[in-house]
PDB file of N, CA and C in Angstrom:
ATOM      1  N   UNK A   1      -0.118 -77.912  72.019  1.00  0.00           N
ATOM      2  CA  UNK A   1       0.863 -78.330  71.107  1.00  0.00           C
ATOM      3  C   UNK A   1       0.000 -77.187  69.784  1.00  0.00           C
ATOM      4  N   UNK A   2       1.126 -77.517  68.772  1.00  0.00           N
ATOM      5  CA  UNK A   2       1.509 -76.874  67.299  1.00  0.00           C
ATOM      6  C   UNK A   2       0.022 -77.716  66.614  1.00  0.00           C
ATOM      7  N   UNK A   3      -0.237 -76.258  65.376  1.00  0.00           N
ATOM      8  CA  UNK A   3      -0.997 -77.006  64.488  1.00  0.00           C
ATOM      9  C   UNK A   3      -0.176 -77.661  63.888  1.00  0.00           C
ATOM     10  N   UNK A   4      -0.836 -78.580  63.381  1.00  0.00           N
ATOM     11  CA  UNK A   4       0.407 -79.378  62.369  1.00  0.00           C
ATOM     12  C   UNK A   4       0.582 -78.659  60.063  1.00  0.00           C
ATOM     13  N   UNK A   5      -0.022 -77.991  60.319  1.00  0.00           N
ATOM     14  CA  UNK A   5       0.870 -76.845  59.327  1.00  0.00           C
ATOM     15  C   UNK A   5       2.050 -75.882  59.809  1.00  0.00           C
ATOM     16  N   UNK A   6       1.912 -75.319  60.443  1.00  0.00           N
ATOM     17  CA  UNK A   6       3.187 -74.847  61.741  1.00  0.00           C
ATOM     18  C   UNK A   6       4.456 -75.419  61.646  1.00  0.00           C
ATOM     19  N   UNK A   7       4.007 -76.968  61.798  1.00  0.00           N
ATOM     20  CA  UNK A   7       5.080 -77.653  61.936  1.00  0.00           C
ATOM     21  C   UNK A   7       5.229 -77.985  60.455  1.00  0.00           C
ATOM     22  N   UNK A   8       5.021 -77.987  60.203  1.00  0.00           N
ATOM     23  CA  UNK A   8       5.527 -78.386  57.947  1.00  0.00           C
ATOM     24  C   UNK A   8       5.694 -76.865  57.564  1.00  0.00           C
ATOM     25  N   UNK A   9       5.453 -75.838  58.289  1.00  0.00           N
ATOM     26  CA  UNK A   9       6.106 -74.996  58.127  1.00  0.00           C
ATOM     27  C   UNK A   9       8.196 -74.725  58.076  1.00  0.00           C
ATOM     28  N   UNK A  10       7.757 -75.046  59.463  1.00  0.00           N
ATOM     29  CA  UNK A  10       8.644 -74.927  60.128  1.00  0.00           C
ATOM     30  C   UNK A  10       9.829 -76.075  59.097  1.00  0.00           C
ATOM     31  N   UNK A  11       9.262 -77.301  59.558  1.00  0.00           N
ATOM     32  CA  UNK A  11       9.459 -78.156  58.502  1.00  0.00           C
ATOM     33  C   UNK A  11      10.656 -78.164  57.853  1.00  0.00           C
ATOM     34  N   UNK A  12       9.430 -77.396  57.338  1.00  0.00           N
ATOM     35  CA  UNK A  12      10.288 -77.048  55.130  1.00  0.00           C
ATOM     36  C   UNK A  12      12.088 -75.615  55.306  1.00  0.00           C
ATOM     37  N   UNK A  13      10.446 -74.993  56.045  1.00  0.00           N
ATOM     38  CA  UNK A  13      12.295 -73.480  56.750  1.00  0.00           C
ATOM     39  C   UNK A  13      13.006 -74.192  56.533  1.00  0.00           C
ATOM     40  N   UNK A  14      13.871 -75.310  58.537  1.00  0.00           N
ATOM     41  CA  UNK A  14      15.262 -75.671  58.532  1.00  0.00           C
ATOM     42  C   UNK A  14      15.706 -76.099  57.428  1.00  0.00           C
ATOM     43  N   UNK A  15      14.930 -77.288  56.124  1.00  0.00           N
ATOM     44  CA  UNK A  15      15.333 -77.560  55.260  1.00  0.00           C
ATOM     45  C   UNK A  15      15.906 -76.786  54.176  1.00  0.00           C
ATOM     46  N   UNK A  16      15.037 -75.910  54.064  1.00  0.00           N
ATOM     47  CA  UNK A  16      16.093 -74.549  52.831  1.00  0.00           C
ATOM     48  C   UNK A  16      16.773 -74.116  54.287  1.00  0.00           C
ATOM     49  N   UNK A  17      16.886 -74.439  54.802  1.00  0.00           N
ATOM     50  CA  UNK A  17      17.768 -73.583  55.372  1.00  0.00           C
ATOM     51  C   UNK A  17      19.341 -74.481  55.665  1.00  0.00           C
ATOM     52  N   UNK A  18      19.120 -75.397  55.810  1.00  0.00           N
ATOM     53  CA  UNK A  18      19.720 -76.888  55.706  1.00  0.00           C
ATOM     54  C   UNK A  18      20.631 -76.527  53.837  1.00  0.00           C
ATOM     55  N   UNK A  19      19.713 -76.295  52.824  1.00  0.00           N
ATOM     56  CA  UNK A  19      20.324 -76.575  51.700  1.00  0.00           C
ATOM     57  C   UNK A  19      21.163 -75.184  50.923  1.00  0.00           C
ATOM     58  N   UNK A  20      20.667 -74.488  51.767  1.00  0.00           N
ATOM     59  CA  UNK A  20      21.862 -72.959  51.716  1.00  0.00           C
ATOM     60  C   UNK A  20      22.353 -72.751  52.548  1.00  0.00           C
ATOM     61  N   UNK A  21      23.334 -73.190  54.173  1.00  0.00           N
ATOM     62  CA  UNK A  21      24.401 -74.074  53.983  1.00  0.00           C
ATOM     63  C   UNK A  21      25.510 -74.557  53.568  1.00  0.00           C
ATOM     64  N   UNK A  22      24.888 -75.502  52.124  1.00  0.00           N
ATOM     65  CA  UNK A  22      25.251 -76.647  52.229  1.00  0.00           C
ATOM     66  C   UNK A  22      25.766 -75.839  50.440  1.00  0.00           C
ATOM     67  N   UNK A  23      25.149 -74.687  50.238  1.00  0.00           N
ATOM     68  CA  UNK A  23      26.227 -75.136  49.480  1.00  0.00           C
ATOM     69  C   UNK A  23      27.367 -73.463  49.300  1.00  0.00           C
ATOM     70  N   UNK A  24      28.022 -73.655  48.575  1.00  0.00           N
ATOM     71  CA  UNK A  24      30.002 -73.338  48.803  1.00  0.00           C
ATOM     72  C   UNK A  24      29.915 -71.919  48.182  1.00  0.00           C
ATOM     73  N   UNK A  25      29.740 -71.025  49.074  1.00  0.00           N
ATOM     74  CA  UNK A  25      29.768 -69.530  49.254  1.00  0.00           C
ATOM     75  C   UNK A  25      31.826 -68.478  48.394  1.00  0.00           C
ATOM     76  N   UNK A  26      31.971 -67.934  47.896  1.00  0.00           N
ATOM     77  CA  UNK A  26      33.044 -67.487  47.889  1.00  0.00           C
ATOM     78  C   UNK A  26      32.959 -65.916  47.773  1.00  0.00           C
ATOM     79  N   UNK A  27      34.433 -66.081  48.403  1.00  0.00           N
ATOM     80  CA  UNK A  27      34.439 -64.085  48.885  1.00  0.00           C
ATOM     81  C   UNK A  27      35.352 -63.308  48.006  1.00  0.00           C
ATOM     82  N   UNK A  28      35.266 -62.802  47.801  1.00  0.00           N
ATOM     83  CA  UNK A  28      35.500 -61.696  47.120  1.00  0.00           C
ATOM     84  C   UNK A  28      36.768 -60.684  47.915  1.00  0.00           C
ATOM     85  N   UNK A  29      37.829 -60.577  47.771  1.00  0.00           N
ATOM     86  CA  UNK A  29      38.256 -59.928  48.104  1.00  0.00           C
ATOM     87  C   UNK A  29      37.969 -58.234  47.699  1.00  0.00           C
ATOM     88  N   UNK A  30      36.890 -57.359  47.844  1.00  0.00           N
ATOM     89  CA  UNK A  30      36.646 -56.049  47.678  1.00  0.00           C
ATOM     90  C   UNK A  30      37.018 -55.117  48.921  1.00  0.00           C
ATOM     91  N   UNK A  31      37.823 -54.002  48.713  1.00  0.00           N
ATOM     92  CA  UNK A  31      38.158 -53.061  49.375  1.00  0.00           C
ATOM     93  C   UNK A  31      36.871 -52.521  50.544  1.00  0.00           C
ATOM     94  N   UNK A  32      36.496 -52.253  51.112  1.00  0.00           N
ATOM     95  CA  UNK A  32      35.361 -51.662  51.842  1.00  0.00           C
ATOM     96  C   UNK A  32      35.795 -50.258  51.262  1.00  0.00           C
ATOM     97  N   UNK A  33      34.077 -50.073  50.845  1.00  0.00           N
ATOM     98  CA  UNK A  33      33.757 -48.856  51.270  1.00  0.00           C
ATOM     99  C   UNK A  33      34.398 -47.376  51.809  1.00  0.00           C
ATOM    100  N   UNK A  34      34.976 -46.911  51.775  1.00  0.00           N
ATOM    101  CA  UNK A  34      34.819 -45.262  52.352  1.00  0.00           C
ATOM    102  C   UNK A  34      34.423 -44.339  52.685  1.00  0.00           C
ATOM    103  N   UNK A  35      34.137 -43.528  54.339  1.00  0.00           N
ATOM    104  CA  UNK A  35      33.012 -42.674  53.857  1.00  0.00           C
ATOM    105  C   UNK A  35      33.735 -41.630  53.123  1.00  0.00           C
ATOM    106  N   UNK A  36      32.917 -40.394  52.528  1.00  0.00           N
ATOM    107  CA  UNK A  36      33.594 -38.760  51.609  1.00  0.00           C
ATOM    108  C   UNK A  36      33.488 -38.842  53.019  1.00  0.00           C
ATOM    109  N   UNK A  37      34.961 -38.180  53.021  1.00  0.00           N
ATOM    110  CA  UNK A  37      35.351 -36.639  53.423  1.00  0.00           C
ATOM    111  C   UNK A  37      34.849 -35.278  53.013  1.00  0.00           C
ATOM    112  N   UNK A  38      34.425 -34.758  55.038  1.00  0.00           N
ATOM    113  CA  UNK A  38      33.692 -33.391  54.381  1.00  0.00           C
ATOM    114  C   UNK A  38      34.082 -32.908  53.510  1.00  0.00           C
ATOM    115  N   UNK A  39      33.354 -31.589  53.424  1.00  0.00           N
ATOM    116  CA  UNK A  39      33.647 -30.687  52.280  1.00  0.00           C
ATOM    117  C   UNK A  39      34.406 -29.282  53.249  1.00  0.00           C
ATOM    118  N   UNK A  40      35.260 -28.466  53.374  1.00  0.00           N
ATOM    119  CA  UNK A  40      35.069 -27.356  53.846  1.00  0.00           C
ATOM    120  C   UNK A  40      36.223 -25.928  52.862  1.00  0.00           C
ATOM    121  N   UNK A  41      35.690 -25.177  52.986  1.00  0.00           N
ATOM    122  CA  UNK A  41      35.512 -24.341  52.531  1.00  0.00           C
ATOM    123  C   UNK A  41      37.854 -23.799  51.845  1.00  0.00           C
ATOM    124  N   UNK A  42      38.319 -24.497  53.465  1.00  0.00           N
ATOM    125  CA  UNK A  42      39.644 -24.739  52.469  1.00  0.00           C
ATOM    126  C   UNK A  42      40.056 -24.748  51.482  1.00  0.00           C
ATOM    127  N   UNK A  43      38.892 -26.516  51.138  1.00  0.00           N
ATOM    128  CA  UNK A  43      39.815 -26.964  49.895  1.00  0.00           C
ATOM    129  C   UNK A  43      39.589 -26.667  48.395  1.00  0.00           C
ATOM    130  N   UNK A  44      38.292 -25.956  49.218  1.00  0.00           N
ATOM    131  CA  UNK A  44      37.358 -24.987  47.394  1.00  0.00           C
ATOM    132  C   UNK A  44      39.267 -23.969  46.949  1.00  0.00           C
ATOM    133  N   UNK A  45      39.486 -23.330  48.451  1.00  0.00           N
ATOM    134  CA  UNK A  45      40.469 -22.113  48.380  1.00  0.00           C
ATOM    135  C   UNK A  45      41.786 -22.929  47.307  1.00  0.00           C
ATOM    136  N   UNK A  46      42.108 -23.991  47.697  1.00  0.00           N
ATOM    137  CA  UNK A  46      43.773 -25.003  47.536  1.00  0.00           C
ATOM    138  C   UNK A  46      43.143 -25.080  46.031  1.00  0.00           C
ATOM    139  N   UNK A  47      42.446 -24.842  45.148  1.00  0.00           N
ATOM    140  CA  UNK A  47      41.909 -26.082  43.642  1.00  0.00           C
ATOM    141  C   UNK A  47      42.528 -24.353  42.461  1.00  0.00           C
ATOM    142  N   UNK A  48      42.961 -24.691  42.026  1.00  0.00           N
ATOM    143  CA  UNK A  48      43.151 -23.744  41.352  1.00  0.00           C
ATOM    144  C   UNK A  48      43.993 -24.500  39.437  1.00  0.00           C
ATOM    145  N   UNK A  49      44.216 -23.663  38.447  1.00  0.00           N
ATOM    146  CA  UNK A  49      44.307 -23.900  37.184  1.00  0.00           C
ATOM    147  C   UNK A  49      46.538 -23.820  36.680  1.00  0.00           C
ATOM    148  N   UNK A  50      47.037 -24.465  36.854  1.00  0.00           N
ATOM    149  CA  UNK A  50      48.215 -24.212  36.191  1.00  0.00           C
ATOM    150  C   UNK A  50      49.025 -23.900  34.533  1.00  0.00           C
ATOM    151  N   UNK A  51      48.501 -23.521  34.247  1.00  0.00           N
ATOM    152  CA  UNK A  51      48.564 -23.312  32.261  1.00  0.00           C
ATOM    153  C   UNK A  51      50.410 -23.564  32.990  1.00  0.00           C
ATOM    154  N   UNK A  52      50.777 -24.542  32.057  1.00  0.00           N
ATOM    155  CA  UNK A  52      52.298 -24.253  31.459  1.00  0.00           C
ATOM    156  C   UNK A  52      53.025 -23.800  29.697  1.00  0.00           C
ATOM    157  N   UNK A  53      53.472 -22.863  29.852  1.00  0.00           N
ATOM    158  CA  UNK A  53      53.563 -23.370  28.553  1.00  0.00           C
ATOM    159  C   UNK A  53      54.851 -23.650  27.747  1.00  0.00           C
ATOM    160  N   UNK A  54      54.776 -24.390  27.135  1.00  0.00           N
ATOM    161  CA  UNK A  54      56.275 -25.552  26.950  1.00  0.00           C
ATOM    162  C   UNK A  54      57.043 -24.837  24.881  1.00  0.00           C
ATOM    163  N   UNK A  55      55.860 -23.589  24.765  1.00  0.00           N
ATOM    164  CA  UNK A  55      57.156 -23.237  23.305  1.00  0.00           C
ATOM    165  C   UNK A  55      58.042 -21.564  23.935  1.00  0.00           C
TER     166      UNK A  55
END
């Protein structure tokens, strides 16, 4: 037989869980985060600056 205090705690937790289950939940359409691409030396070599003179 369990201690009356433990039984009371179990009942309280079950009641709190039921209350949480009754509350409405809204799911937002948020895009899933993607893992960052590992950087390599080739990526650094392809970068640069282009200057275009329009005059």
